[in-house]
Amino acid sequence: MQSDHDGTSSDSDTPDDPTIPKPSRKRLFGPGAYLFAGCLGLLAGVGTFTFGYGKGASYLSNDPKTCVNCHVMQGHMDSWQQSSHHHVAVCNDCHLPHHPIGKWVTKADNGFFHSLAFTTGGFKDPIRIKPRNRRVTQGTCIHCHESVVHSMLPDAAGRDMQSCVHCHADVGHAGR
């Protein structure tokens, strides 16, 4: 800066001088990005709250008590405790595939749709197994009892066999 004779600085050196270009502050993100980040944060917050409130971590376990987090399942828990499989199998043994990837895909799929149905009330009471889960249950019966049922298995891939629960409906849930 240059000083005038009276000790003041000259106008040409001040930041308000139109001849000196001002450094421009460019925004890193536009308003849409901030709105998106806010919505994402809100969604994460609501999701975290819901996961905690709904005891979401318990669904990663193998504990049958998890299934009665929803009151609608109490009858199924009671009937399982009276069944012949009570001492040898828990819910996941019969209702999830034994293959690790299939198990977690089915668990995630069922978890999402069960929570959606129980939250919105969009389910029948008493609840009924859906065709996809009935196929899973059939597969788990065969997996555990293959040495007994091998002669009843279809002779060609893709052919059907009698559903195990057609004759053994009370095995997993007595009296249902």
C-alpha atoms as a PDB file:
ATOM      1  CA  MET A   1       0.000   0.000   0.000  1.00  0.00           C
ATOM      2  CA  GLN A   2       1.203   3.471  -0.740  1.00  0.00           C
ATOM      3  CA  SER A   3       0.708   6.260   1.735  1.00  0.00           C
ATOM      4  CA  ASP A   4      -0.333   9.777   0.832  1.00  0.00           C
ATOM      5  CA  HIS A   5       1.461  12.706   2.363  1.00  0.00           C
ATOM      6  CA  ASP A   6      -1.098  12.908   5.163  1.00  0.00           C
ATOM      7  CA  GLY A   7      -0.570   9.245   6.272  1.00  0.00           C
ATOM      8  CA  THR A   8      -3.722   7.782   4.750  1.00  0.00           C
ATOM      9  CA  SER A   9      -3.649   5.030   2.230  1.00  0.00           C
ATOM     10  CA  SER A  10      -4.478   5.715  -1.374  1.00  0.00           C
ATOM     11  CA  ASP A  11      -7.795   4.649  -2.824  1.00  0.00           C
ATOM     12  CA  SER A  12      -6.119   2.423  -5.400  1.00  0.00           C
ATOM     13  CA  ASP A  13      -4.977  -0.031  -2.722  1.00  0.00           C
ATOM     14  CA  THR A  14      -8.304  -0.597  -0.945  1.00  0.00           C
ATOM     15  CA  PRO A  15     -10.291  -3.745  -1.515  1.00  0.00           C
ATOM     16  CA  ASP A  16     -13.234  -1.695  -2.771  1.00  0.00           C
ATOM     17  CA  ASP A  17     -11.225  -0.510  -5.729  1.00  0.00           C
ATOM     18  CA  PRO A  18     -13.096  -1.632  -8.859  1.00  0.00           C
ATOM     19  CA  THR A  19      -9.831  -2.019 -10.736  1.00  0.00           C
ATOM     20  CA  ILE A  20      -8.675  -4.848  -8.457  1.00  0.00           C
ATOM     21  CA  PRO A  21     -10.495  -8.105  -9.186  1.00  0.00           C
ATOM     22  CA  LYS A  22     -12.145  -9.622  -6.131  1.00  0.00           C
ATOM     23  CA  PRO A  23     -11.472 -13.289  -5.510  1.00  0.00           C
ATOM     24  CA  SER A  24     -14.708 -15.069  -6.328  1.00  0.00           C
ATOM     25  CA  ARG A  25     -16.044 -17.646  -3.885  1.00  0.00           C
ATOM     26  CA  LYS A  26     -17.483 -20.385  -5.963  1.00  0.00           C
ATOM     27  CA  ARG A  27     -20.023 -22.625  -4.282  1.00  0.00           C
ATOM     28  CA  LEU A  28     -18.903 -26.185  -4.029  1.00  0.00           C
ATOM     29  CA  PHE A  29     -22.455 -27.533  -4.238  1.00  0.00           C
ATOM     30  CA  GLY A  30     -25.736 -26.090  -5.396  1.00  0.00           C
ATOM     31  CA  PRO A  31     -28.923 -25.883  -3.314  1.00  0.00           C
ATOM     32  CA  GLY A  32     -30.177 -29.182  -4.759  1.00  0.00           C
ATOM     33  CA  ALA A  33     -27.182 -31.028  -3.336  1.00  0.00           C
ATOM     34  CA  TYR A  34     -27.834 -29.603   0.119  1.00  0.00           C
ATOM     35  CA  LEU A  35     -31.500 -30.545  -0.117  1.00  0.00           C
ATOM     36  CA  PHE A  36     -30.547 -34.062  -1.216  1.00  0.00           C
ATOM     37  CA  ALA A  37     -28.058 -34.380   1.672  1.00  0.00           C
ATOM     38  CA  GLY A  38     -30.701 -33.165   4.125  1.00  0.00           C
ATOM     39  CA  CYS A  39     -33.256 -35.676   2.841  1.00  0.00           C
ATOM     40  CA  LEU A  40     -30.668 -38.444   2.948  1.00  0.00           C
ATOM     41  CA  GLY A  41     -29.797 -37.513   6.535  1.00  0.00           C
ATOM     42  CA  LEU A  42     -33.470 -37.469   7.497  1.00  0.00           C
ATOM     43  CA  LEU A  43     -34.012 -40.862   5.882  1.00  0.00           C
ATOM     44  CA  ALA A  44     -30.958 -42.290   7.667  1.00  0.00           C
ATOM     45  CA  GLY A  45     -32.189 -40.885  10.968  1.00  0.00           C
ATOM     46  CA  VAL A  46     -35.698 -42.296  10.573  1.00  0.00           C
ATOM     47  CA  GLY A  47     -34.264 -45.633   9.414  1.00  0.00           C
ATOM     48  CA  THR A  48     -31.909 -45.837  12.389  1.00  0.00           C
ATOM     49  CA  PHE A  49     -34.732 -44.977  14.799  1.00  0.00           C
ATOM     50  CA  THR A  50     -37.054 -47.544  13.207  1.00  0.00           C
ATOM     51  CA  PHE A  51     -34.360 -50.247  13.252  1.00  0.00           C
ATOM     52  CA  GLY A  52     -33.754 -49.604  16.959  1.00  0.00           C
ATOM     53  CA  TYR A  53     -37.429 -49.271  17.903  1.00  0.00           C
ATOM     54  CA  GLY A  54     -38.328 -52.417  15.945  1.00  0.00           C
ATOM     55  CA  LYS A  55     -35.499 -54.420  17.545  1.00  0.00           C
ATOM     56  CA  GLY A  56     -33.953 -54.884  14.120  1.00  0.00           C
ATOM     57  CA  ALA A  57     -30.681 -56.336  15.405  1.00  0.00           C
ATOM     58  CA  SER A  58     -32.557 -59.222  17.025  1.00  0.00           C
ATOM     59  CA  TYR A  59     -33.603 -60.416  13.560  1.00  0.00           C
ATOM     60  CA  LEU A  60     -29.971 -61.157  12.756  1.00  0.00           C
ATOM     61  CA  SER A  61     -29.970 -63.868  15.426  1.00  0.00           C
ATOM     62  CA  ASN A  62     -31.286 -67.417  15.490  1.00  0.00           C
ATOM     63  CA  ASP A  63     -33.395 -66.914  18.632  1.00  0.00           C
ATOM     64  CA  PRO A  64     -37.061 -67.990  18.230  1.00  0.00           C
ATOM     65  CA  LYS A  65     -38.141 -65.243  20.651  1.00  0.00           C
ATOM     66  CA  THR A  66     -37.325 -62.785  17.873  1.00  0.00           C
ATOM     67  CA  CYS A  67     -40.329 -64.033  15.939  1.00  0.00           C
ATOM     68  CA  VAL A  68     -42.718 -62.834  18.646  1.00  0.00           C
ATOM     69  CA  ASN A  69     -41.498 -59.224  18.464  1.00  0.00           C
ATOM     70  CA  CYS A  70     -44.720 -58.908  16.473  1.00  0.00           C
ATOM     71  CA  HIS A  71     -47.720 -59.898  18.568  1.00  0.00           C
ATOM     72  CA  VAL A  72     -49.345 -61.583  15.588  1.00  0.00           C
ATOM     73  CA  MET A  73     -46.669 -64.294  15.768  1.00  0.00           C
ATOM     74  CA  GLN A  74     -47.403 -65.373  19.353  1.00  0.00           C
ATOM     75  CA  GLY A  75     -49.783 -68.135  18.237  1.00  0.00           C
ATOM     76  CA  HIS A  76     -47.125 -69.519  15.903  1.00  0.00           C
ATOM     77  CA  MET A  77     -44.556 -69.471  18.718  1.00  0.00           C
ATOM     78  CA  ASP A  78     -46.959 -71.273  21.065  1.00  0.00           C
ATOM     79  CA  SER A  79     -47.755 -73.926  18.458  1.00  0.00           C
ATOM     80  CA  TRP A  80     -44.050 -74.432  17.669  1.00  0.00           C
ATOM     81  CA  GLN A  81     -43.366 -75.008  21.372  1.00  0.00           C
ATOM     82  CA  GLN A  82     -45.961 -77.812  21.296  1.00  0.00           C
ATOM     83  CA  SER A  83     -44.624 -79.367  18.095  1.00  0.00           C
ATOM     84  CA  SER A  84     -42.439 -82.414  17.587  1.00  0.00           C
ATOM     85  CA  HIS A  85     -39.676 -80.207  16.119  1.00  0.00           C
ATOM     86  CA  HIS A  86     -39.431 -77.891  19.132  1.00  0.00           C
ATOM     87  CA  HIS A  87     -36.322 -79.646  20.462  1.00  0.00           C
ATOM     88  CA  VAL A  88     -34.528 -80.036  17.115  1.00  0.00           C
ATOM     89  CA  ALA A  89     -35.303 -76.956  15.017  1.00  0.00           C
ATOM     90  CA  VAL A  90     -35.830 -73.223  15.457  1.00  0.00           C
ATOM     91  CA  CYS A  91     -37.703 -70.857  13.133  1.00  0.00           C
ATOM     92  CA  ASN A  92     -34.714 -70.232  10.853  1.00  0.00           C
ATOM     93  CA  ASP A  93     -34.051 -73.963  10.405  1.00  0.00           C
ATOM     94  CA  CYS A  94     -37.394 -74.432   8.668  1.00  0.00           C
ATOM     95  CA  HIS A  95     -38.204 -70.987   7.273  1.00  0.00           C
ATOM     96  CA  LEU A  96     -34.848 -70.050   5.703  1.00  0.00           C
ATOM     97  CA  PRO A  97     -32.765 -71.875   3.092  1.00  0.00           C
ATOM     98  CA  HIS A  98     -29.678 -73.623   4.398  1.00  0.00           C
ATOM     99  CA  HIS A  99     -27.436 -72.010   1.764  1.00  0.00           C
ATOM    100  CA  PRO A 100     -25.789 -68.886   3.282  1.00  0.00           C
ATOM    101  CA  ILE A 101     -26.610 -66.514   0.417  1.00  0.00           C
ATOM    102  CA  GLY A 102     -30.178 -67.782   0.087  1.00  0.00           C
ATOM    103  CA  LYS A 103     -30.596 -67.501   3.846  1.00  0.00           C
ATOM    104  CA  TRP A 104     -29.643 -63.816   3.985  1.00  0.00           C
ATOM    105  CA  VAL A 105     -31.535 -62.894   0.808  1.00  0.00           C
ATOM    106  CA  THR A 106     -34.695 -64.561   2.141  1.00  0.00           C
ATOM    107  CA  LYS A 107     -34.195 -63.026   5.586  1.00  0.00           C
ATOM    108  CA  ALA A 108     -33.837 -59.539   4.063  1.00  0.00           C
ATOM    109  CA  ASP A 109     -36.812 -60.047   1.742  1.00  0.00           C
ATOM    110  CA  ASN A 110     -39.050 -61.379   4.508  1.00  0.00           C
ATOM    111  CA  GLY A 111     -37.835 -58.752   6.960  1.00  0.00           C
ATOM    112  CA  PHE A 112     -38.699 -55.900   4.636  1.00  0.00           C
ATOM    113  CA  PHE A 113     -42.117 -57.209   3.620  1.00  0.00           C
ATOM    114  CA  HIS A 114     -43.040 -58.390   7.129  1.00  0.00           C
ATOM    115  CA  SER A 115     -42.153 -55.015   8.639  1.00  0.00           C
ATOM    116  CA  LEU A 116     -44.080 -53.249   5.872  1.00  0.00           C
ATOM    117  CA  ALA A 117     -47.144 -55.447   6.398  1.00  0.00           C
ATOM    118  CA  PHE A 118     -47.046 -55.210  10.196  1.00  0.00           C
ATOM    119  CA  THR A 119     -46.505 -51.443  10.102  1.00  0.00           C
ATOM    120  CA  THR A 120     -49.322 -50.766   7.651  1.00  0.00           C
ATOM    121  CA  GLY A 121     -51.618 -53.542   8.895  1.00  0.00           C
ATOM    122  CA  GLY A 122     -51.588 -55.174   5.450  1.00  0.00           C
ATOM    123  CA  PHE A 123     -51.659 -58.818   6.554  1.00  0.00           C
ATOM    124  CA  LYS A 124     -54.248 -61.481   7.236  1.00  0.00           C
ATOM    125  CA  ASP A 125     -54.746 -62.640  10.798  1.00  0.00           C
ATOM    126  CA  PRO A 126     -53.900 -65.408  11.332  1.00  0.00           C
ATOM    127  CA  ILE A 127     -51.025 -64.944   8.944  1.00  0.00           C
ATOM    128  CA  ARG A 128     -50.477 -67.512   6.226  1.00  0.00           C
ATOM    129  CA  ILE A 129     -47.290 -68.623   4.549  1.00  0.00           C
ATOM    130  CA  LYS A 130     -46.801 -67.304   1.008  1.00  0.00           C
ATOM    131  CA  PRO A 131     -45.994 -69.615  -1.933  1.00  0.00           C
ATOM    132  CA  ARG A 132     -42.334 -68.536  -2.105  1.00  0.00           C
ATOM    133  CA  ASN A 133     -41.811 -69.272   1.585  1.00  0.00           C
ATOM    134  CA  ARG A 134     -43.705 -72.550   1.269  1.00  0.00           C
ATOM    135  CA  ARG A 135     -41.106 -73.592  -1.349  1.00  0.00           C
ATOM    136  CA  VAL A 136     -38.335 -72.608   1.068  1.00  0.00           C
ATOM    137  CA  THR A 137     -39.941 -74.689   3.818  1.00  0.00           C
ATOM    138  CA  GLN A 138     -40.307 -77.663   1.464  1.00  0.00           C
ATOM    139  CA  GLY A 139     -36.613 -77.369   0.616  1.00  0.00           C
ATOM    140  CA  THR A 140     -35.612 -77.332   4.278  1.00  0.00           C
ATOM    141  CA  CYS A 141     -37.719 -80.424   4.993  1.00  0.00           C
ATOM    142  CA  ILE A 142     -35.937 -82.244   2.183  1.00  0.00           C
ATOM    143  CA  HIS A 143     -32.553 -80.932   3.314  1.00  0.00           C
ATOM    144  CA  CYS A 144     -32.934 -82.344   6.834  1.00  0.00           C
ATOM    145  CA  HIS A 145     -34.796 -85.534   5.911  1.00  0.00           C
ATOM    146  CA  GLU A 146     -33.161 -86.409   2.579  1.00  0.00           C
ATOM    147  CA  SER A 147     -32.105 -89.882   3.728  1.00  0.00           C
ATOM    148  CA  VAL A 148     -35.742 -90.707   4.473  1.00  0.00           C
ATOM    149  CA  VAL A 149     -37.437 -89.012   1.518  1.00  0.00           C
ATOM    150  CA  HIS A 150     -34.904 -89.742  -1.249  1.00  0.00           C
ATOM    151  CA  SER A 151     -37.202 -92.371  -2.801  1.00  0.00           C
ATOM    152  CA  MET A 152     -40.018 -89.791  -2.990  1.00  0.00           C
ATOM    153  CA  LEU A 153     -37.941 -87.145  -4.757  1.00  0.00           C
ATOM    154  CA  PRO A 154     -38.838 -86.437  -8.396  1.00  0.00           C
ATOM    155  CA  ASP A 155     -36.973 -88.579 -10.907  1.00  0.00           C
ATOM    156  CA  ALA A 156     -36.223 -85.562 -13.131  1.00  0.00           C
ATOM    157  CA  ALA A 157     -35.205 -81.999 -12.323  1.00  0.00           C
ATOM    158  CA  GLY A 158     -38.045 -79.507 -12.297  1.00  0.00           C
ATOM    159  CA  ARG A 159     -40.750 -82.051 -11.553  1.00  0.00           C
ATOM    160  CA  ASP A 160     -42.913 -81.691  -8.479  1.00  0.00           C
ATOM    161  CA  MET A 161     -43.415 -83.920  -5.498  1.00  0.00           C
ATOM    162  CA  GLN A 162     -45.998 -83.984  -2.759  1.00  0.00           C
ATOM    163  CA  SER A 163     -45.554 -81.145  -0.252  1.00  0.00           C
ATOM    164  CA  CYS A 164     -44.208 -82.463   3.060  1.00  0.00           C
ATOM    165  CA  VAL A 165     -46.635 -80.338   5.074  1.00  0.00           C
ATOM    166  CA  HIS A 166     -49.562 -81.796   3.129  1.00  0.00           C
ATOM    167  CA  CYS A 167     -49.317 -84.838   5.381  1.00  0.00           C
ATOM    168  CA  HIS A 168     -47.191 -83.408   8.194  1.00  0.00           C
ATOM    169  CA  ALA A 169     -48.931 -80.097   8.849  1.00  0.00           C
ATOM    170  CA  ASP A 170     -48.547 -80.291  12.640  1.00  0.00           C
ATOM    171  CA  VAL A 171     -44.829 -81.076  12.664  1.00  0.00           C
ATOM    172  CA  GLY A 172     -43.580 -77.491  12.854  1.00  0.00           C
ATOM    173  CA  HIS A 173     -46.639 -75.842  14.386  1.00  0.00           C
ATOM    174  CA  ALA A 174     -48.859 -78.267  16.293  1.00  0.00           C
ATOM    175  CA  GLY A 175     -52.548 -77.543  16.014  1.00  0.00           C
ATOM    176  CA  ARG A 176     -52.302 -74.751  13.429  1.00  0.00           C
END
